[in-house]
């Protein structure tokens, strides 16, 4: 689940962001966390319209996507140069 989910939000309305990743769309809590240690994160929409919510749960701006899912991890492959 690397890509964000586009949702329509209404300004001033409270939503509950899924932190467990088990909800149907992966971003708006539907109660699927019940019985786990996860709790949804409440947030209030600051504007009306479409928003991209983070599905990877690694954004620095949760619940909104900041593109973290698209950043490539730097791998140390120097060991390949030392083949004997």
N, C-alpha and C. Protein backbone atom coordinates (compact mmCIF):
# COMPACT_ATOMS: atom_id res chain seq x y z
N UNK A 1 0.84 -1.19 0.00
CA UNK A 1 0.00 0.00 0.00
C UNK A 1 0.87 1.25 0.00
N UNK A 2 1.51 1.51 -1.10
CA UNK A 2 2.43 2.61 -1.14
C UNK A 2 1.81 3.92 -1.61
N UNK A 3 0.76 3.85 -2.34
CA UNK A 3 0.21 5.07 -2.93
C UNK A 3 -0.83 5.72 -2.03
N UNK A 4 -0.91 7.06 -2.06
CA UNK A 4 -1.92 7.75 -1.25
C UNK A 4 -3.32 7.50 -1.79
N UNK A 5 -4.30 7.83 -0.97
CA UNK A 5 -5.70 7.68 -1.36
C UNK A 5 -6.33 9.07 -1.47
N UNK A 6 -6.98 9.32 -2.60
CA UNK A 6 -7.66 10.59 -2.80
C UNK A 6 -9.05 10.51 -2.16
N UNK A 7 -9.32 11.43 -1.26
CA UNK A 7 -10.62 11.48 -0.58
C UNK A 7 -11.17 12.90 -0.64
N UNK A 8 -12.47 13.01 -0.49
CA UNK A 8 -13.13 14.32 -0.45
C UNK A 8 -13.40 14.65 1.00
N UNK A 9 -12.89 15.79 1.46
CA UNK A 9 -13.08 16.22 2.84
C UNK A 9 -13.89 17.52 2.88
N UNK A 10 -14.63 17.69 3.97
CA UNK A 10 -15.41 18.91 4.17
C UNK A 10 -14.78 19.73 5.30
N UNK A 11 -14.53 21.01 5.02
CA UNK A 11 -13.91 21.91 5.98
C UNK A 11 -14.68 21.90 7.31
N UNK A 12 -13.92 21.76 8.41
CA UNK A 12 -14.52 21.78 9.74
C UNK A 12 -15.01 20.44 10.23
N UNK A 13 -15.09 19.46 9.37
CA UNK A 13 -15.58 18.13 9.75
C UNK A 13 -14.43 17.31 10.34
N UNK A 14 -14.73 16.55 11.40
CA UNK A 14 -13.74 15.68 12.03
C UNK A 14 -13.75 14.32 11.37
N UNK A 15 -12.56 13.84 11.04
CA UNK A 15 -12.38 12.52 10.44
C UNK A 15 -11.43 11.74 11.35
N UNK A 16 -11.42 10.43 11.18
CA UNK A 16 -10.53 9.58 11.96
C UNK A 16 -9.63 8.81 11.00
N UNK A 17 -8.34 9.15 11.05
CA UNK A 17 -7.34 8.55 10.18
C UNK A 17 -6.97 7.16 10.69
N UNK A 18 -6.99 6.19 9.79
CA UNK A 18 -6.65 4.82 10.13
C UNK A 18 -5.15 4.70 10.39
N UNK A 19 -4.77 4.20 11.55
CA UNK A 19 -3.36 4.00 11.87
C UNK A 19 -2.95 2.53 11.79
N UNK A 20 -3.94 1.63 11.69
CA UNK A 20 -3.62 0.20 11.66
C UNK A 20 -3.43 -0.32 10.24
N UNK A 21 -4.00 0.35 9.27
CA UNK A 21 -3.89 -0.09 7.88
C UNK A 21 -4.89 -1.17 7.49
N UNK A 22 -5.78 -1.53 8.40
CA UNK A 22 -6.73 -2.61 8.12
C UNK A 22 -8.08 -2.12 7.59
N UNK A 23 -8.33 -0.82 7.61
CA UNK A 23 -9.62 -0.32 7.13
C UNK A 23 -9.74 -0.58 5.63
N UNK A 24 -10.96 -0.57 5.14
CA UNK A 24 -11.22 -0.91 3.74
C UNK A 24 -10.41 -0.07 2.76
N UNK A 25 -10.31 1.24 3.01
CA UNK A 25 -9.56 2.10 2.08
C UNK A 25 -8.15 2.40 2.57
N UNK A 26 -7.83 1.98 3.79
CA UNK A 26 -6.50 2.16 4.34
C UNK A 26 -6.24 3.53 4.95
N UNK A 27 -7.20 4.46 4.85
CA UNK A 27 -6.94 5.80 5.37
C UNK A 27 -8.02 6.35 6.31
N UNK A 28 -9.28 6.03 6.09
CA UNK A 28 -10.35 6.48 6.98
C UNK A 28 -10.78 5.28 7.83
N UNK A 29 -10.72 5.45 9.14
CA UNK A 29 -11.01 4.36 10.07
C UNK A 29 -12.43 3.84 9.88
N UNK A 30 -12.53 2.51 9.84
CA UNK A 30 -13.85 1.86 9.78
C UNK A 30 -14.04 0.91 10.95
N UNK A 31 -13.16 1.00 11.96
CA UNK A 31 -13.28 0.16 13.15
C UNK A 31 -12.55 -1.17 13.05
N UNK A 32 -11.84 -1.42 11.97
CA UNK A 32 -11.16 -2.70 11.79
C UNK A 32 -10.04 -2.93 12.80
N UNK A 33 -9.61 -1.88 13.51
CA UNK A 33 -8.54 -1.99 14.50
C UNK A 33 -9.00 -2.62 15.81
N UNK A 34 -10.29 -2.79 15.98
CA UNK A 34 -10.82 -3.30 17.25
C UNK A 34 -10.10 -4.58 17.66
N UNK A 35 -9.69 -4.62 18.91
CA UNK A 35 -8.96 -5.77 19.44
C UNK A 35 -7.45 -5.64 19.29
N UNK A 36 -7.00 -4.54 18.70
CA UNK A 36 -5.56 -4.31 18.56
C UNK A 36 -5.14 -3.13 19.43
N UNK A 37 -3.87 -2.81 19.41
CA UNK A 37 -3.36 -1.68 20.19
C UNK A 37 -3.45 -0.36 19.43
N UNK A 38 -3.95 -0.39 18.21
CA UNK A 38 -4.03 0.82 17.38
C UNK A 38 -5.25 1.66 17.76
N UNK A 39 -5.09 2.97 17.66
CA UNK A 39 -6.21 3.89 17.81
C UNK A 39 -6.16 4.87 16.66
N UNK A 40 -7.30 5.20 16.09
CA UNK A 40 -7.31 6.15 14.97
C UNK A 40 -6.91 7.54 15.43
N UNK A 41 -6.40 8.32 14.49
CA UNK A 41 -5.98 9.69 14.78
C UNK A 41 -7.04 10.65 14.25
N UNK A 42 -7.68 11.38 15.17
CA UNK A 42 -8.70 12.34 14.76
C UNK A 42 -8.03 13.57 14.13
N UNK A 43 -8.65 14.09 13.08
CA UNK A 43 -8.18 15.33 12.47
C UNK A 43 -9.37 16.09 11.90
N UNK A 44 -9.23 17.39 11.81
CA UNK A 44 -10.28 18.26 11.29
C UNK A 44 -9.81 18.80 9.95
N UNK A 45 -10.64 18.64 8.94
CA UNK A 45 -10.30 19.14 7.60
C UNK A 45 -10.23 20.67 7.63
N UNK A 46 -9.18 21.21 7.03
CA UNK A 46 -8.98 22.66 7.02
C UNK A 46 -9.56 23.32 5.78
N UNK A 47 -9.97 22.48 4.82
CA UNK A 47 -10.60 23.02 3.61
C UNK A 47 -11.51 21.96 3.01
N UNK A 48 -12.42 22.38 2.17
CA UNK A 48 -13.31 21.46 1.47
C UNK A 48 -12.70 21.14 0.12
N UNK A 49 -12.68 19.87 -0.21
CA UNK A 49 -12.16 19.44 -1.50
C UNK A 49 -11.41 18.13 -1.37
N UNK A 50 -10.73 17.77 -2.46
CA UNK A 50 -9.98 16.53 -2.48
C UNK A 50 -8.66 16.67 -1.74
N UNK A 51 -8.26 15.60 -1.08
CA UNK A 51 -6.99 15.56 -0.37
C UNK A 51 -6.38 14.18 -0.58
N UNK A 52 -5.06 14.11 -0.55
CA UNK A 52 -4.37 12.83 -0.64
C UNK A 52 -3.94 12.43 0.77
N UNK A 53 -4.54 11.34 1.24
CA UNK A 53 -4.20 10.85 2.58
C UNK A 53 -3.18 9.73 2.47
N UNK A 54 -2.29 9.69 3.43
CA UNK A 54 -1.17 8.75 3.45
C UNK A 54 -1.64 7.34 3.76
N UNK A 55 -1.26 6.40 2.90
CA UNK A 55 -1.59 5.00 3.14
C UNK A 55 -0.38 4.22 3.65
N UNK A 56 0.85 4.75 3.43
CA UNK A 56 2.04 4.02 3.89
C UNK A 56 2.31 4.25 5.37
N UNK A 57 1.68 5.27 5.95
CA UNK A 57 1.79 5.61 7.38
C UNK A 57 3.16 6.15 7.76
N UNK A 58 3.95 6.60 6.78
CA UNK A 58 5.30 7.09 7.05
C UNK A 58 5.45 8.59 6.78
N UNK A 59 4.38 9.24 6.40
CA UNK A 59 4.43 10.67 6.10
C UNK A 59 4.84 11.47 7.33
N UNK A 60 5.55 12.55 7.11
CA UNK A 60 5.89 13.45 8.20
C UNK A 60 4.77 14.44 8.46
N UNK A 61 3.68 14.32 7.71
CA UNK A 61 2.56 15.25 7.81
C UNK A 61 1.24 14.48 7.89
N UNK A 62 1.22 13.39 8.66
CA UNK A 62 -0.01 12.59 8.77
C UNK A 62 -1.18 13.44 9.22
N UNK A 63 -2.34 13.24 8.67
CA UNK A 63 -2.75 12.13 7.81
C UNK A 63 -2.50 12.37 6.31
N UNK A 64 -1.90 13.49 5.98
CA UNK A 64 -1.72 13.85 4.57
C UNK A 64 -0.44 13.24 4.01
N UNK A 65 -0.48 12.86 2.76
CA UNK A 65 0.67 12.31 2.07
C UNK A 65 1.70 13.41 1.81
N UNK A 66 2.97 13.12 2.07
CA UNK A 66 4.03 14.07 1.76
C UNK A 66 5.04 13.49 0.76
N UNK A 67 4.70 12.35 0.17
CA UNK A 67 5.55 11.74 -0.84
C UNK A 67 6.62 10.82 -0.29
N UNK A 68 6.64 10.60 1.01
CA UNK A 68 7.64 9.73 1.62
C UNK A 68 7.65 8.35 0.98
N UNK A 69 6.50 7.84 0.60
CA UNK A 69 6.41 6.50 0.00
C UNK A 69 7.21 6.40 -1.29
N UNK A 70 7.46 7.52 -1.95
CA UNK A 70 8.14 7.52 -3.25
C UNK A 70 9.65 7.72 -3.14
N UNK A 71 10.13 8.03 -1.95
CA UNK A 71 11.56 8.24 -1.78
C UNK A 71 12.28 6.90 -1.76
N UNK A 72 13.31 6.81 -2.53
CA UNK A 72 14.06 5.56 -2.62
C UNK A 72 15.01 5.43 -1.44
N UNK A 73 15.07 4.24 -0.94
CA UNK A 73 15.98 3.95 0.16
C UNK A 73 17.38 3.79 -0.41
N UNK A 74 18.34 4.46 0.21
CA UNK A 74 19.72 4.35 -0.24
C UNK A 74 20.30 3.05 0.30
N UNK A 75 20.78 2.23 -0.60
CA UNK A 75 21.34 0.95 -0.20
C UNK A 75 22.86 1.00 -0.26
N UNK A 76 23.49 0.35 0.67
CA UNK A 76 24.95 0.25 0.68
C UNK A 76 25.31 -1.03 -0.07
N UNK A 77 25.75 -0.87 -1.31
CA UNK A 77 26.08 -2.03 -2.14
C UNK A 77 27.59 -2.19 -2.34
N UNK A 78 28.38 -1.52 -1.50
CA UNK A 78 29.82 -1.61 -1.62
C UNK A 78 30.33 -3.04 -1.48
N UNK A 79 29.61 -3.89 -0.79
CA UNK A 79 30.06 -5.27 -0.62
C UNK A 79 30.18 -5.98 -1.95
N UNK A 80 29.46 -5.52 -2.97
CA UNK A 80 29.54 -6.15 -4.29
C UNK A 80 30.90 -5.91 -4.94
N UNK A 81 31.55 -4.83 -4.55
CA UNK A 81 32.85 -4.49 -5.12
C UNK A 81 33.98 -5.35 -4.55
N UNK A 82 33.73 -5.99 -3.44
CA UNK A 82 34.75 -6.79 -2.76
C UNK A 82 34.59 -8.27 -3.00
N UNK A 83 34.06 -8.64 -4.13
CA UNK A 83 33.89 -10.06 -4.43
C UNK A 83 35.25 -10.71 -4.60
N UNK A 84 35.41 -11.91 -4.09
CA UNK A 84 36.69 -12.62 -4.22
C UNK A 84 36.58 -13.83 -5.10
